[in-house]
Amino acid sequence: MGKNDNLHKAKEAKNDEFYTQYEDIQNELNHYEGHFAGKTVLCNCDDPFESNFCKFFLRNFNYLKLKRLICTSYSTSPVVGQQMTLFDLEDEPVVRGGTAM
């Protein structure tokens, strides 16, 4: 194999689900936080209940001064209908002024 051994192993195991890490989203979007005020964000993802993008925008909705957040997908979620709260999302830091809290 080569430099992408993990991709070949995932293909063989039929496990090709790779999600963007919450920290990576936070680090990148810190550069653009001033551009979200009054905007609608659409997260078209595989599973809005599992998406780190949806979690990020939900947790930072007021801080980013978003007008609206729409999270959608084409398939059903295995966790839909289960009780989920915004504050039970593991111990991921919330962005405040470009730094994690």
N, C-alpha and C. Protein backbone atom coordinates (compact mmCIF):
# COMPACT_ATOMS: atom_id res chain seq x y z
N MET A 1 0.85 -1.18 0.00
CA MET A 1 0.00 0.00 0.00
C MET A 1 0.89 1.23 0.00
N GLY A 2 0.41 2.36 0.37
CA GLY A 2 1.21 3.57 0.31
C GLY A 2 0.91 4.48 1.48
N LYS A 3 0.91 5.76 1.19
CA LYS A 3 0.68 6.74 2.24
C LYS A 3 -0.75 6.75 2.75
N ASN A 4 -1.67 6.15 2.01
CA ASN A 4 -3.07 6.14 2.41
C ASN A 4 -3.52 4.74 2.84
N ASP A 5 -2.69 4.07 3.62
CA ASP A 5 -3.01 2.73 4.12
C ASP A 5 -4.35 2.71 4.85
N ASN A 6 -4.62 3.76 5.63
CA ASN A 6 -5.87 3.78 6.40
C ASN A 6 -7.09 3.80 5.48
N LEU A 7 -6.99 4.44 4.32
CA LEU A 7 -8.11 4.46 3.38
C LEU A 7 -8.33 3.09 2.75
N HIS A 8 -7.24 2.40 2.41
CA HIS A 8 -7.35 1.06 1.85
C HIS A 8 -7.95 0.09 2.87
N LYS A 9 -7.52 0.19 4.12
CA LYS A 9 -8.06 -0.67 5.18
C LYS A 9 -9.54 -0.39 5.40
N ALA A 10 -9.94 0.88 5.35
CA ALA A 10 -11.34 1.24 5.53
C ALA A 10 -12.18 0.70 4.38
N LYS A 11 -11.64 0.75 3.17
CA LYS A 11 -12.36 0.22 2.01
C LYS A 11 -12.58 -1.28 2.15
N GLU A 12 -11.54 -1.99 2.56
CA GLU A 12 -11.64 -3.44 2.75
C GLU A 12 -12.63 -3.79 3.85
N ALA A 13 -12.67 -2.99 4.90
CA ALA A 13 -13.57 -3.26 6.04
C ALA A 13 -14.97 -2.69 5.81
N LYS A 14 -15.18 -2.05 4.65
CA LYS A 14 -16.46 -1.41 4.33
C LYS A 14 -16.81 -0.35 5.37
N ASN A 15 -15.79 0.33 5.87
CA ASN A 15 -15.97 1.39 6.86
C ASN A 15 -15.37 2.66 6.27
N ASP A 16 -16.17 3.37 5.48
CA ASP A 16 -15.66 4.55 4.80
C ASP A 16 -16.24 5.84 5.35
N GLU A 17 -16.72 5.82 6.57
CA GLU A 17 -17.28 7.01 7.19
C GLU A 17 -16.18 7.80 7.87
N PHE A 18 -15.84 8.94 7.32
CA PHE A 18 -14.84 9.82 7.89
C PHE A 18 -15.49 11.17 8.11
N TYR A 19 -15.44 11.66 9.31
CA TYR A 19 -16.09 12.91 9.65
C TYR A 19 -15.04 13.97 9.98
N THR A 20 -15.33 15.20 9.60
CA THR A 20 -14.46 16.31 9.94
C THR A 20 -14.49 16.49 11.45
N GLN A 21 -13.34 16.59 12.07
CA GLN A 21 -13.24 16.73 13.51
C GLN A 21 -13.73 18.10 13.96
N TYR A 22 -14.38 18.14 15.12
CA TYR A 22 -14.93 19.37 15.67
C TYR A 22 -13.83 20.43 15.81
N GLU A 23 -12.67 20.03 16.29
CA GLU A 23 -11.57 20.96 16.50
C GLU A 23 -11.11 21.59 15.18
N ASP A 24 -11.11 20.79 14.10
CA ASP A 24 -10.71 21.32 12.79
C ASP A 24 -11.71 22.36 12.29
N ILE A 25 -12.99 22.08 12.49
CA ILE A 25 -14.04 23.03 12.10
C ILE A 25 -13.87 24.32 12.88
N GLN A 26 -13.70 24.18 14.18
CA GLN A 26 -13.55 25.35 15.05
C GLN A 26 -12.33 26.18 14.65
N ASN A 27 -11.20 25.52 14.43
CA ASN A 27 -9.98 26.24 14.07
C ASN A 27 -10.12 26.98 12.75
N GLU A 28 -10.79 26.38 11.79
CA GLU A 28 -10.95 27.03 10.49
C GLU A 28 -11.98 28.16 10.54
N LEU A 29 -13.12 27.91 11.16
CA LEU A 29 -14.18 28.91 11.15
C LEU A 29 -13.90 30.09 12.07
N ASN A 30 -12.93 29.96 12.97
CA ASN A 30 -12.51 31.11 13.78
C ASN A 30 -12.05 32.27 12.90
N HIS A 31 -11.51 31.95 11.73
CA HIS A 31 -11.02 32.97 10.80
C HIS A 31 -12.16 33.75 10.14
N TYR A 32 -13.39 33.22 10.20
CA TYR A 32 -14.51 33.81 9.47
C TYR A 32 -15.67 34.22 10.36
N GLU A 33 -15.47 34.23 11.68
CA GLU A 33 -16.60 34.43 12.58
C GLU A 33 -17.33 35.75 12.33
N GLY A 34 -16.68 36.77 11.85
CA GLY A 34 -17.33 38.05 11.58
C GLY A 34 -18.24 38.03 10.37
N HIS A 35 -18.15 36.99 9.55
CA HIS A 35 -18.93 36.92 8.32
C HIS A 35 -20.29 36.23 8.50
N PHE A 36 -20.58 35.73 9.68
CA PHE A 36 -21.80 34.96 9.89
C PHE A 36 -22.98 35.78 10.40
N ALA A 37 -22.74 36.97 10.88
CA ALA A 37 -23.80 37.79 11.49
C ALA A 37 -24.94 38.01 10.50
N GLY A 38 -26.14 37.65 10.93
CA GLY A 38 -27.33 37.86 10.12
C GLY A 38 -27.50 36.90 8.97
N LYS A 39 -26.69 35.86 8.90
CA LYS A 39 -26.73 34.91 7.78
C LYS A 39 -27.47 33.63 8.15
N THR A 40 -27.96 32.95 7.12
CA THR A 40 -28.53 31.62 7.25
C THR A 40 -27.46 30.62 6.83
N VAL A 41 -27.24 29.60 7.64
CA VAL A 41 -26.26 28.55 7.33
C VAL A 41 -27.03 27.28 7.03
N LEU A 42 -26.71 26.65 5.90
CA LEU A 42 -27.31 25.38 5.51
C LEU A 42 -26.25 24.29 5.65
N CYS A 43 -26.52 23.32 6.50
CA CYS A 43 -25.64 22.15 6.64
C CYS A 43 -26.36 20.97 6.02
N ASN A 44 -26.00 20.63 4.80
CA ASN A 44 -26.55 19.46 4.13
C ASN A 44 -25.57 18.33 4.37
N CYS A 45 -25.91 17.46 5.30
CA CYS A 45 -24.95 16.46 5.76
C CYS A 45 -25.56 15.07 5.76
N ASP A 46 -24.75 14.07 6.03
CA ASP A 46 -25.24 12.69 6.09
C ASP A 46 -26.23 12.51 7.24
N ASP A 47 -25.91 13.07 8.38
CA ASP A 47 -26.75 12.92 9.56
C ASP A 47 -26.61 14.15 10.43
N PRO A 48 -27.61 15.03 10.45
CA PRO A 48 -27.49 16.27 11.23
C PRO A 48 -27.33 16.02 12.73
N PHE A 49 -27.74 14.86 13.21
CA PHE A 49 -27.61 14.56 14.63
C PHE A 49 -26.18 14.15 14.99
N GLU A 50 -25.40 13.79 13.99
CA GLU A 50 -24.03 13.34 14.21
C GLU A 50 -23.00 14.33 13.65
N SER A 51 -23.43 15.27 12.83
CA SER A 51 -22.52 16.18 12.14
C SER A 51 -21.84 17.15 13.10
N ASN A 52 -20.52 17.21 13.03
CA ASN A 52 -19.78 18.17 13.85
C ASN A 52 -20.00 19.59 13.36
N PHE A 53 -20.31 19.77 12.07
CA PHE A 53 -20.64 21.11 11.58
C PHE A 53 -21.93 21.60 12.24
N CYS A 54 -22.95 20.73 12.29
CA CYS A 54 -24.21 21.11 12.94
C CYS A 54 -23.98 21.40 14.42
N LYS A 55 -23.20 20.57 15.08
CA LYS A 55 -22.91 20.79 16.50
C LYS A 55 -22.23 22.14 16.70
N PHE A 56 -21.25 22.44 15.85
CA PHE A 56 -20.52 23.70 15.97
C PHE A 56 -21.47 24.89 15.83
N PHE A 57 -22.27 24.89 14.77
CA PHE A 57 -23.16 26.03 14.54
C PHE A 57 -24.27 26.12 15.59
N LEU A 58 -24.75 24.99 16.09
CA LEU A 58 -25.74 25.03 17.17
C LEU A 58 -25.15 25.63 18.44
N ARG A 59 -23.97 25.18 18.79
CA ARG A 59 -23.35 25.64 20.03
C ARG A 59 -22.92 27.10 19.96
N ASN A 60 -22.70 27.61 18.76
CA ASN A 60 -22.21 28.97 18.59
C ASN A 60 -23.21 29.87 17.87
N PHE A 61 -24.47 29.45 17.83
CA PHE A 61 -25.51 30.18 17.10
C PHE A 61 -25.59 31.65 17.54
N ASN A 62 -25.73 31.89 18.82
CA ASN A 62 -25.86 33.26 19.31
C ASN A 62 -24.55 34.03 19.21
N TYR A 63 -23.45 33.38 19.50
CA TYR A 63 -22.16 34.06 19.43
C TYR A 63 -21.86 34.54 18.01
N LEU A 64 -22.18 33.71 17.02
CA LEU A 64 -21.95 34.07 15.63
C LEU A 64 -23.04 34.99 15.07
N LYS A 65 -24.10 35.21 15.87
CA LYS A 65 -25.22 36.06 15.48
C LYS A 65 -25.90 35.57 14.20
N LEU A 66 -26.08 34.25 14.13
CA LEU A 66 -26.73 33.67 12.96
C LEU A 66 -28.20 34.05 12.92
N LYS A 67 -28.73 34.19 11.74
CA LYS A 67 -30.16 34.45 11.57
C LYS A 67 -30.92 33.13 11.65
N ARG A 68 -30.37 32.09 10.99
CA ARG A 68 -31.05 30.80 10.92
C ARG A 68 -30.02 29.72 10.65
N LEU A 69 -30.29 28.52 11.16
CA LEU A 69 -29.46 27.35 10.90
C LEU A 69 -30.37 26.24 10.40
N ILE A 70 -30.07 25.71 9.23
CA ILE A 70 -30.84 24.62 8.65
C ILE A 70 -29.91 23.43 8.50
N CYS A 71 -30.23 22.34 9.19
CA CYS A 71 -29.46 21.10 9.09
C CYS A 71 -30.37 20.03 8.50
N THR A 72 -29.96 19.42 7.42
CA THR A 72 -30.82 18.48 6.72
C THR A 72 -30.00 17.32 6.16
N SER A 73 -30.70 16.25 5.78
CA SER A 73 -30.06 15.11 5.14
C SER A 73 -31.09 14.37 4.31
N TYR A 74 -30.62 13.45 3.49
CA TYR A 74 -31.52 12.67 2.64
C TYR A 74 -31.92 11.34 3.26
N SER A 75 -31.22 10.90 4.26
CA SER A 75 -31.54 9.61 4.86
C SER A 75 -31.91 9.80 6.32
N THR A 76 -32.50 8.78 6.90
CA THR A 76 -32.90 8.87 8.30
C THR A 76 -31.69 8.64 9.20
N SER A 77 -31.77 9.19 10.38
CA SER A 77 -30.70 9.07 11.35
C SER A 77 -30.99 7.93 12.32
N PRO A 78 -29.97 7.19 12.73
CA PRO A 78 -30.19 6.15 13.72
C PRO A 78 -30.49 6.72 15.11
N VAL A 79 -30.25 8.00 15.32
CA VAL A 79 -30.50 8.59 16.63
C VAL A 79 -31.71 9.53 16.63
N VAL A 80 -32.42 9.65 15.51
CA VAL A 80 -33.58 10.53 15.46
C VAL A 80 -34.65 10.02 16.43
N GLY A 81 -35.28 10.94 17.11
CA GLY A 81 -36.33 10.59 18.06
C GLY A 81 -35.81 10.33 19.46
N GLN A 82 -34.51 10.21 19.62
CA GLN A 82 -33.94 10.04 20.94
C GLN A 82 -33.74 11.42 21.55
N GLN A 83 -33.81 11.49 22.84
CA GLN A 83 -33.64 12.78 23.49
C GLN A 83 -32.20 13.23 23.37
N MET A 84 -32.02 14.41 22.79
CA MET A 84 -30.70 15.01 22.68
C MET A 84 -30.81 16.44 23.14
N THR A 85 -29.84 16.87 23.90
CA THR A 85 -29.82 18.27 24.30
C THR A 85 -28.56 18.91 23.76
N LEU A 86 -28.61 20.19 23.61
CA LEU A 86 -27.48 20.94 23.10
C LEU A 86 -26.28 20.87 24.04
N PHE A 87 -26.53 20.69 25.32
CA PHE A 87 -25.46 20.76 26.30
C PHE A 87 -24.88 19.40 26.68
N ASP A 88 -25.35 18.32 26.07
CA ASP A 88 -24.81 17.00 26.34
C ASP A 88 -23.88 16.54 25.22
N LEU A 89 -23.26 17.46 24.52
CA LEU A 89 -22.43 17.13 23.38
C LEU A 89 -20.98 16.92 23.80
N GLU A 90 -20.74 15.89 24.57
CA GLU A 90 -19.41 15.57 25.05
C GLU A 90 -18.79 16.81 25.68
N ASP A 91 -17.52 16.87 25.81
CA ASP A 91 -16.88 18.02 26.43
C ASP A 91 -16.13 18.85 25.39
N GLU A 92 -16.80 19.15 24.29
CA GLU A 92 -16.16 19.93 23.23
C GLU A 92 -16.17 21.40 23.62
N PRO A 93 -15.07 22.09 23.35
CA PRO A 93 -15.02 23.51 23.72
C PRO A 93 -15.93 24.35 22.84
N VAL A 94 -16.42 25.42 23.40
CA VAL A 94 -17.24 26.37 22.67
C VAL A 94 -16.37 27.56 22.30
N VAL A 95 -16.50 28.05 21.08
CA VAL A 95 -15.69 29.17 20.61
C VAL A 95 -16.19 30.45 21.22
N ARG A 96 -15.29 31.27 21.71
CA ARG A 96 -15.60 32.60 22.20
C ARG A 96 -14.44 33.49 21.84
N GLY A 97 -14.65 34.43 20.96
CA GLY A 97 -13.61 35.39 20.60
C GLY A 97 -12.37 34.74 20.02
N GLY A 98 -12.55 33.67 19.24
CA GLY A 98 -11.42 33.04 18.58
C GLY A 98 -10.66 32.06 19.42
N THR A 99 -11.07 31.86 20.68
CA THR A 99 -10.39 30.88 21.53
C THR A 99 -11.41 29.93 22.13
N ALA A 100 -10.98 28.76 22.47
CA ALA A 100 -11.87 27.78 23.07
C ALA A 100 -12.07 28.08 24.55
N MET A 101 -13.28 27.81 25.01
CA MET A 101 -13.58 27.99 26.42
C MET A 101 -13.86 26.66 27.05
